[in-house]
Structure formats: C-alpha cells, structure tokens
Amino acid sequence: MIVANEKALLASVINHPDAKNARMKVPIAAEQGWTDHVLRIIELDADGHSPRHQHDWPHINYIIEGEGIVHMNGEDHPVSAGGYAYIPAKVEHQFRNTAETPFRFICIVPSEGHV
C-alpha cells in the first residue's frame, strides 16, 4: 500500500534528442508493486514537447495542469487540465506545451513501455 504526494518525487530529465524542456516522475511502477503498468507524470515547461514517436503499446493520459496539444496521426488536438487522451498502439503522437506555464499530465503505460 502506498499513500504519498508526487511533490516529494524528483523529476528526471527526459534524455531524448527530440524532447525539449521535458521531465518525468514515476510514482508507481514495479518497485511499488504494480508489475503490469507504470504511472508516470510528465512535465513540459514553456516551449517543451515530447518526441514525436510511435510504439507497440497503447497508453492513457490525463491532463493535470496547463494547456497543450496532443498530436496524433497528423492532427493537433488542444487539451487542458481535466482533458484526457487514449493513444492506441502504433499511432504516431506527441505532446506539446502551448503556454508559458507548465503542462503536466499523467501517462499510464504497460511495463514494457516504460524505458
């Protein structure tokens, strides 16, 4: 059992050549007992973005704070706090911050998707 606050976690920089101003926190993964999936919190600062990519697993995203764009299959979808997105396997996607304030979202992936 875990009861905690993500504010106590340190964010790691996302070291990918196509990511910018991006960090990740991992509140729950195999180390905490959830062996099938990983709960991540992605933080994009102003002008930040994740890499544009695709992979063999789906993932679920819930916007915690800020405003941004979810790019999927060539289309941009504006999102803000309270918004969510399901990204199927093999769909090209990217998250981008469109504001000067932080853009933060939860990302849940299967364990094999957490690299």
PDB file of N, CA and C in Angstrom:
ATOM      1  N   MET A   1       0.842  -1.175   0.000  1.00  0.00           N
ATOM      2  CA  MET A   1       0.000   0.000   0.000  1.00  0.00           C
ATOM      3  C   MET A   1       0.887   1.238   0.000  1.00  0.00           C
ATOM      4  N   ILE A   2       0.495   2.215  -0.774  1.00  0.00           N
ATOM      5  CA  ILE A   2       1.252   3.461  -0.847  1.00  0.00           C
ATOM      6  C   ILE A   2       0.276   4.628  -0.757  1.00  0.00           C
ATOM      7  N   VAL A   3       0.581   5.571   0.098  1.00  0.00           N
ATOM      8  CA  VAL A   3      -0.133   6.841   0.161  1.00  0.00           C
ATOM      9  C   VAL A   3       0.956   7.904   0.221  1.00  0.00           C
ATOM     10  N   ALA A   4       1.011   8.761  -0.785  1.00  0.00           N
ATOM     11  CA  ALA A   4       2.098   9.725  -0.860  1.00  0.00           C
ATOM     12  C   ALA A   4       1.665  10.933  -1.680  1.00  0.00           C
ATOM     13  N   ASN A   5       2.596  11.844  -1.896  1.00  0.00           N
ATOM     14  CA  ASN A   5       2.332  13.030  -2.708  1.00  0.00           C
ATOM     15  C   ASN A   5       3.442  13.148  -3.740  1.00  0.00           C
ATOM     16  N   GLU A   6       3.076  13.324  -4.988  1.00  0.00           N
ATOM     17  CA  GLU A   6       4.062  13.385  -6.065  1.00  0.00           C
ATOM     18  C   GLU A   6       5.002  14.570  -5.936  1.00  0.00           C
ATOM     19  N   LYS A   7       4.629  15.567  -5.147  1.00  0.00           N
ATOM     20  CA  LYS A   7       5.508  16.719  -4.952  1.00  0.00           C
ATOM     21  C   LYS A   7       6.806  16.320  -4.253  1.00  0.00           C
ATOM     22  N   ALA A   8       6.808  15.186  -3.579  1.00  0.00           N
ATOM     23  CA  ALA A   8       8.009  14.706  -2.897  1.00  0.00           C
ATOM     24  C   ALA A   8       8.966  13.970  -3.842  1.00  0.00           C
ATOM     25  N   LEU A   9       8.534  13.701  -5.055  1.00  0.00           N
ATOM     26  CA  LEU A   9       9.366  12.970  -6.017  1.00  0.00           C
ATOM     27  C   LEU A   9      10.231  13.914  -6.838  1.00  0.00           C
ATOM     28  N   LEU A  10      11.427  13.482  -7.130  1.00  0.00           N
ATOM     29  CA  LEU A  10      12.298  14.234  -8.023  1.00  0.00           C
ATOM     30  C   LEU A  10      11.971  13.862  -9.461  1.00  0.00           C
ATOM     31  N   ALA A  11      11.949  14.855 -10.333  1.00  0.00           N
ATOM     32  CA  ALA A  11      11.698  14.615 -11.750  1.00  0.00           C
ATOM     33  C   ALA A  11      13.022  14.370 -12.457  1.00  0.00           C
ATOM     34  N   SER A  12      13.035  13.399 -13.353  1.00  0.00           N
ATOM     35  CA  SER A  12      14.205  13.122 -14.176  1.00  0.00           C
ATOM     36  C   SER A  12      14.017  13.767 -15.533  1.00  0.00           C
ATOM     37  N   VAL A  13      15.081  14.343 -16.059  1.00  0.00           N
ATOM     38  CA  VAL A  13      15.031  14.930 -17.399  1.00  0.00           C
ATOM     39  C   VAL A  13      14.832  13.811 -18.409  1.00  0.00           C
ATOM     40  N   ILE A  14      13.961  14.018 -19.371  1.00  0.00           N
ATOM     41  CA  ILE A  14      13.767  13.058 -20.455  1.00  0.00           C
ATOM     42  C   ILE A  14      14.886  13.291 -21.454  1.00  0.00           C
ATOM     43  N   ASN A  15      15.840  12.376 -21.470  1.00  0.00           N
ATOM     44  CA  ASN A  15      17.019  12.494 -22.325  1.00  0.00           C
ATOM     45  C   ASN A  15      16.756  11.827 -23.667  1.00  0.00           C
ATOM     46  N   HIS A  16      16.121  12.545 -24.529  1.00  0.00           N
ATOM     47  CA  HIS A  16      15.863  12.084 -25.891  1.00  0.00           C
ATOM     48  C   HIS A  16      16.175  13.256 -26.800  1.00  0.00           C
ATOM     49  N   PRO A  17      16.860  13.037 -27.915  1.00  0.00           N
ATOM     50  CA  PRO A  17      17.241  14.168 -28.770  1.00  0.00           C
ATOM     51  C   PRO A  17      16.060  14.965 -29.331  1.00  0.00           C
ATOM     52  N   ASP A  18      14.875  14.358 -29.380  1.00  0.00           N
ATOM     53  CA  ASP A  18      13.702  15.051 -29.915  1.00  0.00           C
ATOM     54  C   ASP A  18      12.759  15.556 -28.837  1.00  0.00           C
ATOM     55  N   ALA A  19      13.177  15.501 -27.577  1.00  0.00           N
ATOM     56  CA  ALA A  19      12.390  16.065 -26.471  1.00  0.00           C
ATOM     57  C   ALA A  19      13.012  17.393 -26.076  1.00  0.00           C
ATOM     58  N   LYS A  20      12.166  18.300 -25.564  1.00  0.00           N
ATOM     59  CA  LYS A  20      12.656  19.607 -25.147  1.00  0.00           C
ATOM     60  C   LYS A  20      11.920  20.024 -23.881  1.00  0.00           C
ATOM     61  N   ASN A  21      12.668  20.515 -22.897  1.00  0.00           N
ATOM     62  CA  ASN A  21      12.094  21.008 -21.638  1.00  0.00           C
ATOM     63  C   ASN A  21      11.108  20.002 -21.041  1.00  0.00           C
ATOM     64  N   ALA A  22      11.529  18.741 -20.994  1.00  0.00           N
ATOM     65  CA  ALA A  22      10.638  17.660 -20.566  1.00  0.00           C
ATOM     66  C   ALA A  22      11.259  16.866 -19.413  1.00  0.00           C
ATOM     67  N   ARG A  23      10.413  16.548 -18.413  1.00  0.00           N
ATOM     68  CA  ARG A  23      10.827  15.771 -17.259  1.00  0.00           C
ATOM     69  C   ARG A  23       9.758  14.720 -16.950  1.00  0.00           C
ATOM     70  N   MET A  24      10.155  13.724 -16.146  1.00  0.00           N
ATOM     71  CA  MET A  24       9.220  12.663 -15.779  1.00  0.00           C
ATOM     72  C   MET A  24       9.414  12.261 -14.324  1.00  0.00           C
ATOM     73  N   LYS A  25       8.291  12.036 -13.649  1.00  0.00           N
ATOM     74  CA  LYS A  25       8.267  11.441 -12.315  1.00  0.00           C
ATOM     75  C   LYS A  25       7.588  10.085 -12.452  1.00  0.00           C
ATOM     76  N   VAL A  26       7.989   9.137 -11.613  1.00  0.00           N
ATOM     77  CA  VAL A  26       7.393   7.794 -11.642  1.00  0.00           C
ATOM     78  C   VAL A  26       6.911   7.445 -10.234  1.00  0.00           C
ATOM     79  N   PRO A  27       5.638   7.767  -9.938  1.00  0.00           N
ATOM     80  CA  PRO A  27       5.112   7.460  -8.602  1.00  0.00           C
ATOM     81  C   PRO A  27       4.891   5.974  -8.351  1.00  0.00           C
ATOM     82  N   ILE A  28       4.434   5.240  -9.379  1.00  0.00           N
ATOM     83  CA  ILE A  28       4.099   3.834  -9.166  1.00  0.00           C
ATOM     84  C   ILE A  28       4.562   2.998 -10.354  1.00  0.00           C
ATOM     85  N   ALA A  29       5.348   1.966 -10.036  1.00  0.00           N
ATOM     86  CA  ALA A  29       5.868   1.030 -11.032  1.00  0.00           C
ATOM     87  C   ALA A  29       6.081  -0.314 -10.326  1.00  0.00           C
ATOM     88  N   ALA A  30       6.874  -1.175 -10.917  1.00  0.00           N
ATOM     89  CA  ALA A  30       7.117  -2.494 -10.334  1.00  0.00           C
ATOM     90  C   ALA A  30       7.708  -2.400  -8.931  1.00  0.00           C
ATOM     91  N   GLU A  31       8.565  -1.398  -8.698  1.00  0.00           N
ATOM     92  CA  GLU A  31       9.187  -1.240  -7.382  1.00  0.00           C
ATOM     93  C   GLU A  31       8.158  -1.008  -6.273  1.00  0.00           C
ATOM     94  N   GLN A  32       6.997  -0.455  -6.653  1.00  0.00           N
ATOM     95  CA  GLN A  32       5.935  -0.207  -5.676  1.00  0.00           C
ATOM     96  C   GLN A  32       4.866  -1.302  -5.702  1.00  0.00           C
ATOM     97  N   GLY A  33       5.050  -2.320  -6.569  1.00  0.00           N
ATOM     98  CA  GLY A  33       4.134  -3.448  -6.593  1.00  0.00           C
ATOM     99  C   GLY A  33       3.209  -3.535  -7.787  1.00  0.00           C
ATOM    100  N   TRP A  34       3.234  -2.540  -8.692  1.00  0.00           N
ATOM    101  CA  TRP A  34       2.372  -2.606  -9.886  1.00  0.00           C
ATOM    102  C   TRP A  34       3.215  -3.130 -11.029  1.00  0.00           C
ATOM    103  N   THR A  35       3.199  -4.417 -11.245  1.00  0.00           N
ATOM    104  CA  THR A  35       4.118  -5.045 -12.196  1.00  0.00           C
ATOM    105  C   THR A  35       3.667  -4.960 -13.645  1.00  0.00           C
ATOM    106  N   ASP A  36       2.390  -4.728 -13.896  1.00  0.00           N
ATOM    107  CA  ASP A  36       1.882  -4.715 -15.270  1.00  0.00           C
ATOM    108  C   ASP A  36       1.943  -3.352 -15.948  1.00  0.00           C
ATOM    109  N   HIS A  37       1.908  -2.281 -15.178  1.00  0.00           N
ATOM    110  CA  HIS A  37       1.853  -0.925 -15.728  1.00  0.00           C
ATOM    111  C   HIS A  37       2.747   0.023 -14.931  1.00  0.00           C
ATOM    112  N   VAL A  38       2.917   1.209 -15.489  1.00  0.00           N
ATOM    113  CA  VAL A  38       3.693   2.252 -14.821  1.00  0.00           C
ATOM    114  C   VAL A  38       2.884   3.547 -14.878  1.00  0.00           C
ATOM    115  N   LEU A  39       2.749   4.199 -13.740  1.00  0.00           N
ATOM    116  CA  LEU A  39       2.114   5.514 -13.655  1.00  0.00           C
ATOM    117  C   LEU A  39       3.226   6.550 -13.680  1.00  0.00           C
ATOM    118  N   ARG A  40       3.187   7.424 -14.691  1.00  0.00           N
ATOM    119  CA  ARG A  40       4.208   8.455 -14.830  1.00  0.00           C
ATOM    120  C   ARG A  40       3.538   9.824 -14.842  1.00  0.00           C
ATOM    121  N   ILE A  41       4.267  10.831 -14.412  1.00  0.00           N
ATOM    122  CA  ILE A  41       3.808  12.206 -14.527  1.00  0.00           C
ATOM    123  C   ILE A  41       4.833  12.919 -15.401  1.00  0.00           C
ATOM    124  N   ILE A  42       4.365  13.420 -16.523  1.00  0.00           N
ATOM    125  CA  ILE A  42       5.226  14.126 -17.469  1.00  0.00           C
ATOM    126  C   ILE A  42       5.021  15.622 -17.260  1.00  0.00           C
ATOM    127  N   GLU A  43       6.122  16.349 -17.225  1.00  0.00           N
ATOM    128  CA  GLU A  43       6.088  17.800 -17.042  1.00  0.00           C
ATOM    129  C   GLU A  43       6.792  18.447 -18.225  1.00  0.00           C
ATOM    130  N   LEU A  44       6.088  19.323 -18.923  1.00  0.00           N
ATOM    131  CA  LEU A  44       6.666  20.060 -20.044  1.00  0.00           C
ATOM    132  C   LEU A  44       6.659  21.541 -19.693  1.00  0.00           C
ATOM    133  N   ASP A  45       7.835  22.144 -19.661  1.00  0.00           N
ATOM    134  CA  ASP A  45       7.926  23.577 -19.414  1.00  0.00           C
ATOM    135  C   ASP A  45       7.538  24.340 -20.677  1.00  0.00           C
ATOM    136  N   ALA A  46       7.523  25.670 -20.599  1.00  0.00           N
ATOM    137  CA  ALA A  46       7.198  26.508 -21.758  1.00  0.00           C
ATOM    138  C   ALA A  46       8.037  26.063 -22.954  1.00  0.00           C
ATOM    139  N   ASP A  47       7.389  25.956 -24.111  1.00  0.00           N
ATOM    140  CA  ASP A  47       8.017  25.533 -25.363  1.00  0.00           C
ATOM    141  C   ASP A  47       8.513  24.087 -25.317  1.00  0.00           C
ATOM    142  N   GLY A  48       8.064  23.329 -24.317  1.00  0.00           N
ATOM    143  CA  GLY A  48       8.510  21.948 -24.182  1.00  0.00           C
ATOM    144  C   GLY A  48       7.649  20.984 -24.978  1.00  0.00           C
ATOM    145  N   HIS A  49       8.241  19.831 -25.291  1.00  0.00           N
ATOM    146  CA  HIS A  49       7.499  18.794 -26.011  1.00  0.00           C
ATOM    147  C   HIS A  49       8.164  17.439 -25.821  1.00  0.00           C
ATOM    148  N   SER A  50       7.363  16.410 -25.997  1.00  0.00           N
ATOM    149  CA  SER A  50       7.877  15.049 -26.026  1.00  0.00           C
ATOM    150  C   SER A  50       8.332  14.752 -27.457  1.00  0.00           C
ATOM    151  N   PRO A  51       9.066  13.675 -27.660  1.00  0.00           N
ATOM    152  CA  PRO A  51       9.421  13.322 -29.035  1.00  0.00           C
ATOM    153  C   PRO A  51       8.174  12.909 -29.814  1.00  0.00           C
ATOM    154  N   ARG A  52       8.157  13.143 -31.105  1.00  0.00           N
ATOM    155  CA  ARG A  52       7.090  12.599 -31.950  1.00  0.00           C
ATOM    156  C   ARG A  52       7.498  11.164 -32.245  1.00  0.00           C
ATOM    157  N   HIS A  53       6.647  10.223 -31.847  1.00  0.00           N
ATOM    158  CA  HIS A  53       7.026   8.817 -31.946  1.00  0.00           C
ATOM    159  C   HIS A  53       5.794   7.916 -31.992  1.00  0.00           C
ATOM    160  N   GLN A  54       6.053   6.637 -32.165  1.00  0.00           N
ATOM    161  CA  GLN A  54       5.013   5.614 -32.071  1.00  0.00           C
ATOM    162  C   GLN A  54       5.664   4.358 -31.504  1.00  0.00           C
ATOM    163  N   HIS A  55       4.818   3.470 -30.965  1.00  0.00           N
ATOM    164  CA  HIS A  55       5.335   2.241 -30.369  1.00  0.00           C
ATOM    165  C   HIS A  55       4.245   1.187 -30.359  1.00  0.00           C
ATOM    166  N   ASP A  56       4.602  -0.003 -29.883  1.00  0.00           N
ATOM    167  CA  ASP A  56       3.710  -1.164 -29.976  1.00  0.00           C
ATOM    168  C   ASP A  56       2.717  -1.299 -28.832  1.00  0.00           C
ATOM    169  N   TRP A  57       2.606  -0.303 -27.964  1.00  0.00           N
ATOM    170  CA  TRP A  57       1.682  -0.398 -26.839  1.00  0.00           C
ATOM    171  C   TRP A  57       0.815   0.861 -26.774  1.00  0.00           C
ATOM    172  N   PRO A  58      -0.399   0.719 -26.247  1.00  0.00           N
ATOM    173  CA  PRO A  58      -1.250   1.898 -26.039  1.00  0.00           C
ATOM    174  C   PRO A  58      -0.881   2.582 -24.729  1.00  0.00           C
ATOM    175  N   HIS A  59      -1.362   3.795 -24.558  1.00  0.00           N
ATOM    176  CA  HIS A  59      -1.253   4.430 -23.254  1.00  0.00           C
ATOM    177  C   HIS A  59      -2.378   5.421 -23.028  1.00  0.00           C
ATOM    178  N   ILE A  60      -2.593   5.704 -21.748  1.00  0.00           N
ATOM    179  CA  ILE A  60      -3.679   6.570 -21.305  1.00  0.00           C
ATOM    180  C   ILE A  60      -3.044   7.817 -20.697  1.00  0.00           C
ATOM    181  N   ASN A  61      -3.635   8.985 -20.993  1.00  0.00           N
ATOM    182  CA  ASN A  61      -3.091  10.244 -20.494  1.00  0.00           C
ATOM    183  C   ASN A  61      -4.207  11.102 -19.916  1.00  0.00           C
ATOM    184  N   TYR A  62      -3.897  11.765 -18.794  1.00  0.00           N
ATOM    185  CA  TYR A  62      -4.855  12.661 -18.149  1.00  0.00           C
ATOM    186  C   TYR A  62      -4.123  13.959 -17.836  1.00  0.00           C
ATOM    187  N   ILE A  63      -4.655  15.084 -18.311  1.00  0.00           N
ATOM    188  CA  ILE A  63      -4.007  16.378 -18.135  1.00  0.00           C
ATOM    189  C   ILE A  63      -4.288  16.896 -16.729  1.00  0.00           C
ATOM    190  N   ILE A  64      -3.215  17.157 -15.974  1.00  0.00           N
ATOM    191  CA  ILE A  64      -3.317  17.653 -14.600  1.00  0.00           C
ATOM    192  C   ILE A  64      -3.345  19.178 -14.577  1.00  0.00           C
ATOM    193  N   GLU A  65      -2.492  19.781 -15.422  1.00  0.00           N
ATOM    194  CA  GLU A  65      -2.280  21.226 -15.326  1.00  0.00           C
ATOM    195  C   GLU A  65      -1.820  21.762 -16.671  1.00  0.00           C
ATOM    196  N   GLY A  66      -2.255  22.973 -16.996  1.00  0.00           N
ATOM    197  CA  GLY A  66      -1.748  23.673 -18.169  1.00  0.00           C
ATOM    198  C   GLY A  66      -2.554  23.443 -19.434  1.00  0.00           C
ATOM    199  N   GLU A  67      -1.941  23.865 -20.533  1.00  0.00           N
ATOM    200  CA  GLU A  67      -2.564  23.763 -21.855  1.00  0.00           C
ATOM    201  C   GLU A  67      -1.541  23.243 -22.845  1.00  0.00           C
ATOM    202  N   GLY A  68      -2.029  22.447 -23.768  1.00  0.00           N
ATOM    203  CA  GLY A  68      -1.117  21.912 -24.757  1.00  0.00           C
ATOM    204  C   GLY A  68      -1.838  21.318 -25.935  1.00  0.00           C
ATOM    205  N   ILE A  69      -1.048  20.608 -26.709  1.00  0.00           N
ATOM    206  CA  ILE A  69      -1.530  19.929 -27.910  1.00  0.00           C
ATOM    207  C   ILE A  69      -1.148  18.462 -27.803  1.00  0.00           C
ATOM    208  N   VAL A  70      -2.085  17.589 -28.136  1.00  0.00           N
ATOM    209  CA  VAL A  70      -1.775  16.181 -28.367  1.00  0.00           C
ATOM    210  C   VAL A  70      -1.827  15.996 -29.875  1.00  0.00           C
ATOM    211  N   HIS A  71      -0.703  15.665 -30.455  1.00  0.00           N
ATOM    212  CA  HIS A  71      -0.619  15.413 -31.894  1.00  0.00           C
ATOM    213  C   HIS A  71      -0.780  13.912 -32.099  1.00  0.00           C
ATOM    214  N   MET A  72      -1.773  13.516 -32.901  1.00  0.00           N
ATOM    215  CA  MET A  72      -1.987  12.100 -33.229  1.00  0.00           C
ATOM    216  C   MET A  72      -2.294  11.973 -34.700  1.00  0.00           C
ATOM    217  N   ASN A  73      -1.524  11.116 -35.372  1.00  0.00           N
ATOM    218  CA  ASN A  73      -1.745  10.813 -36.789  1.00  0.00           C
ATOM    219  C   ASN A  73      -1.933  12.063 -37.634  1.00  0.00           C
ATOM    220  N   GLY A  74      -1.083  13.057 -37.445  1.00  0.00           N
ATOM    221  CA  GLY A  74      -1.117  14.244 -38.285  1.00  0.00           C
ATOM    222  C   GLY A  74      -2.088  15.329 -37.856  1.00  0.00           C
ATOM    223  N   GLU A  75      -2.832  15.121 -36.773  1.00  0.00           N
ATOM    224  CA  GLU A  75      -3.797  16.128 -36.303  1.00  0.00           C
ATOM    225  C   GLU A  75      -3.423  16.621 -34.914  1.00  0.00           C
ATOM    226  N   ASP A  76      -3.576  17.929 -34.693  1.00  0.00           N
ATOM    227  CA  ASP A  76      -3.350  18.522 -33.381  1.00  0.00           C
ATOM    228  C   ASP A  76      -4.675  18.649 -32.646  1.00  0.00           C
ATOM    229  N   HIS A  77      -4.676  18.198 -31.389  1.00  0.00           N
ATOM    230  CA  HIS A  77      -5.875  18.245 -30.556  1.00  0.00           C
ATOM    231  C   HIS A  77      -5.555  19.075 -29.312  1.00  0.00           C
ATOM    232  N   PRO A  78      -6.159  20.265 -29.171  1.00  0.00           N
ATOM    233  CA  PRO A  78      -5.917  21.079 -27.977  1.00  0.00           C
ATOM    234  C   PRO A  78      -6.468  20.373 -26.729  1.00  0.00           C
ATOM    235  N   VAL A  79      -5.705  20.451 -25.635  1.00  0.00           N
ATOM    236  CA  VAL A  79      -6.125  19.865 -24.361  1.00  0.00           C
ATOM    237  C   VAL A  79      -5.753  20.812 -23.227  1.00  0.00           C
ATOM    238  N   SER A  80      -6.442  20.680 -22.114  1.00  0.00           N
ATOM    239  CA  SER A  80      -6.149  21.467 -20.922  1.00  0.00           C
ATOM    240  C   SER A  80      -6.505  20.626 -19.707  1.00  0.00           C
ATOM    241  N   ALA A  81      -6.257  21.171 -18.522  1.00  0.00           N
ATOM    242  CA  ALA A  81      -6.500  20.442 -17.277  1.00  0.00           C
ATOM    243  C   ALA A  81      -7.886  19.806 -17.276  1.00  0.00           C
ATOM    244  N   GLY A  82      -7.925  18.545 -16.940  1.00  0.00           N
ATOM    245  CA  GLY A  82      -9.175  17.779 -16.958  1.00  0.00           C
ATOM    246  C   GLY A  82      -9.365  16.993 -18.238  1.00  0.00           C
ATOM    247  N   GLY A  83      -8.595  17.313 -19.265  1.00  0.00           N
ATOM    248  CA  GLY A  83      -8.692  16.585 -20.536  1.00  0.00           C
ATOM    249  C   GLY A  83      -7.976  15.245 -20.449  1.00  0.00           C
ATOM    250  N   TYR A  84      -8.278  14.380 -21.385  1.00  0.00           N
ATOM    251  CA  TYR A  84      -7.619  13.074 -21.411  1.00  0.00           C
ATOM    252  C   TYR A  84      -7.502  12.583 -22.839  1.00  0.00           C
ATOM    253  N   ALA A  85      -6.613  11.618 -23.041  1.00  0.00           N
ATOM    254  CA  ALA A  85      -6.401  11.049 -24.369  1.00  0.00           C
ATOM    255  C   ALA A  85      -6.015   9.582 -24.224  1.00  0.00           C
ATOM    256  N   TYR A  86      -6.595   8.762 -25.068  1.00  0.00           N
ATOM    257  CA  TYR A  86      -6.180   7.364 -25.197  1.00  0.00           C
ATOM    258  C   TYR A  86      -5.425   7.268 -26.516  1.00  0.00           C
ATOM    259  N   ILE A  87      -4.206   6.801 -26.463  1.00  0.00           N
ATOM    260  CA  ILE A  87      -3.386   6.688 -27.669  1.00  0.00           C
ATOM    261  C   ILE A  87      -3.181   5.207 -27.949  1.00  0.00           C
ATOM    262  N   PRO A  88      -3.789   4.712 -29.027  1.00  0.00           N
ATOM    263  CA  PRO A  88      -3.652   3.289 -29.359  1.00  0.00           C
ATOM    264  C   PRO A  88      -2.219   2.932 -29.765  1.00  0.00           C
ATOM    265  N   ALA A  89      -1.930   1.665 -29.761  1.00  0.00           N
ATOM    266  CA  ALA A  89      -0.634   1.174 -30.225  1.00  0.00           C
ATOM    267  C   ALA A  89      -0.408   1.595 -31.671  1.00  0.00           C
ATOM    268  N   LYS A  90       0.845   1.875 -31.996  1.00  0.00           N
ATOM    269  CA  LYS A  90       1.312   2.170 -33.353  1.00  0.00           C
ATOM    270  C   LYS A  90       0.801   3.492 -33.928  1.00  0.00           C
ATOM    271  N   VAL A  91       0.223   4.359 -33.096  1.00  0.00           N
ATOM    272  CA  VAL A  91      -0.250   5.665 -33.546  1.00  0.00           C
ATOM    273  C   VAL A  91       0.835   6.697 -33.261  1.00  0.00           C
ATOM    274  N   GLU A  92       1.259   7.444 -34.281  1.00  0.00           N
ATOM    275  CA  GLU A  92       2.240   8.493 -34.081  1.00  0.00           C
ATOM    276  C   GLU A  92       1.630   9.584 -33.200  1.00  0.00           C
ATOM    277  N   HIS A  93       2.410  10.045 -32.199  1.00  0.00           N
ATOM    278  CA  HIS A  93       1.883  11.041 -31.266  1.00  0.00           C
ATOM    279  C   HIS A  93       2.998  11.882 -30.664  1.00  0.00           C
ATOM    280  N   GLN A  94       2.576  13.015 -30.104  1.00  0.00           N
ATOM    281  CA  GLN A  94       3.487  13.931 -29.425  1.00  0.00           C
ATOM    282  C   GLN A  94       2.655  14.840 -28.531  1.00  0.00           C
ATOM    283  N   PHE A  95       3.228  15.250 -27.411  1.00  0.00           N
ATOM    284  CA  PHE A  95       2.619  16.232 -26.519  1.00  0.00           C
ATOM    285  C   PHE A  95       3.455  17.500 -26.585  1.00  0.00           C
ATOM    286  N   ARG A  96       2.787  18.658 -26.673  1.00  0.00           N
ATOM    287  CA  ARG A  96       3.480  19.946 -26.719  1.00  0.00           C
ATOM    288  C   ARG A  96       2.811  20.935 -25.788  1.00  0.00           C
ATOM    289  N   ASN A  97       3.609  21.695 -25.079  1.00  0.00           N
ATOM    290  CA  ASN A  97       3.101  22.771 -24.231  1.00  0.00           C
ATOM    291  C   ASN A  97       2.871  23.990 -25.118  1.00  0.00           C
ATOM    292  N   THR A  98       1.696  24.599 -25.031  1.00  0.00           N
ATOM    293  CA  THR A  98       1.373  25.781 -25.841  1.00  0.00           C
ATOM    294  C   THR A  98       1.246  27.043 -24.991  1.00  0.00           C
ATOM    295  N   ALA A  99       1.642  26.961 -23.734  1.00  0.00           N
ATOM    296  CA  ALA A  99       1.509  28.107 -22.824  1.00  0.00           C
ATOM    297  C   ALA A  99       2.857  28.420 -22.180  1.00  0.00           C
ATOM    298  N   GLU A 100       2.885  29.480 -21.417  1.00  0.00           N
ATOM    299  CA  GLU A 100       4.100  29.858 -20.688  1.00  0.00           C
ATOM    300  C   GLU A 100       4.169  29.173 -19.324  1.00  0.00           C
ATOM    301  N   THR A 101       3.082  28.565 -18.917  1.00  0.00           N
ATOM    302  CA  THR A 101       3.018  27.855 -17.639  1.00  0.00           C
ATOM    303  C   THR A 101       3.269  26.364 -17.873  1.00  0.00           C
ATOM    304  N   PRO A 102       3.592  25.609 -16.835  1.00  0.00           N
ATOM    305  CA  PRO A 102       3.850  24.170 -17.007  1.00  0.00           C
ATOM    306  C   PRO A 102       2.637  23.423 -17.554  1.00  0.00           C
ATOM    307  N   PHE A 103       2.909  22.421 -18.358  1.00  0.00           N
ATOM    308  CA  PHE A 103       1.908  21.485 -18.895  1.00  0.00           C
ATOM    309  C   PHE A 103       2.269  20.136 -18.292  1.00  0.00           C
ATOM    310  N   ARG A 104       1.355  19.589 -17.460  1.00  0.00           N
ATOM    311  CA  ARG A 104       1.631  18.362 -16.727  1.00  0.00           C
ATOM    312  C   ARG A 104       0.525  17.358 -16.971  1.00  0.00           C
ATOM    313  N   PHE A 105       0.929  16.118 -17.193  1.00  0.00           N
ATOM    314  CA  PHE A 105      -0.081  15.087 -17.421  1.00  0.00           C
ATOM    315  C   PHE A 105       0.384  13.739 -16.899  1.00  0.00           C
ATOM    316  N   ILE A 106      -0.603  12.923 -16.533  1.00  0.00           N
ATOM    317  CA  ILE A 106      -0.370  11.545 -16.132  1.00  0.00           C
ATOM    318  C   ILE A 106      -0.309  10.709 -17.404  1.00  0.00           C
ATOM    319  N   CYS A 107       0.620   9.793 -17.418  1.00  0.00           N
ATOM    320  CA  CYS A 107       0.757   8.866 -18.547  1.00  0.00           C
ATOM    321  C   CYS A 107       0.873   7.461 -17.967  1.00  0.00           C
ATOM    322  N   ILE A 108      -0.059   6.593 -18.312  1.00  0.00           N
ATOM    323  CA  ILE A 108      -0.018   5.200 -17.844  1.00  0.00           C
ATOM    324  C   ILE A 108       0.307   4.315 -19.032  1.00  0.00           C
ATOM    325  N   VAL A 109       1.402   3.543 -18.889  1.00  0.00           N
ATOM    326  CA  VAL A 109       1.841   2.645 -19.956  1.00  0.00           C
ATOM    327  C   VAL A 109       2.014   1.241 -19.386  1.00  0.00           C
ATOM    328  N   PRO A 110       1.941   0.223 -20.263  1.00  0.00           N
ATOM    329  CA  PRO A 110       2.315  -1.115 -19.803  1.00  0.00           C
ATOM    330  C   PRO A 110       3.801  -1.103 -19.430  1.00  0.00           C
ATOM    331  N   SER A 111       4.214  -2.007 -18.587  1.00  0.00           N
ATOM    332  CA  SER A 111       5.598  -2.036 -18.106  1.00  0.00           C
ATOM    333  C   SER A 111       6.614  -2.018 -19.236  1.00  0.00           C
ATOM    334  N   GLU A 112       6.353  -2.732 -20.327  1.00  0.00           N
ATOM    335  CA  GLU A 112       7.315  -2.760 -21.430  1.00  0.00           C
ATOM    336  C   GLU A 112       7.443  -1.412 -22.126  1.00  0.00           C
ATOM    337  N   GLY A 113       6.496  -0.520 -21.882  1.00  0.00           N
ATOM    338  CA  GLY A 113       6.543   0.819 -22.476  1.00  0.00           C
ATOM    339  C   GLY A 113       7.317   1.834 -21.667  1.00  0.00           C
ATOM    340  N   HIS A 114       7.752   1.448 -20.486  1.00  0.00           N
ATOM    341  CA  HIS A 114       8.490   2.384 -19.636  1.00  0.00           C
ATOM    342  C   HIS A 114       9.979   2.165 -19.844  1.00  0.00           C
ATOM    343  N   VAL A 115      10.566   3.049 -20.618  1.00  0.00           N
ATOM    344  CA  VAL A 115      12.013   2.916 -20.906  1.00  0.00           C
ATOM    345  C   VAL A 115      12.751   4.167 -20.483  1.00  0.00           C
TER     346      VAL A 115
END
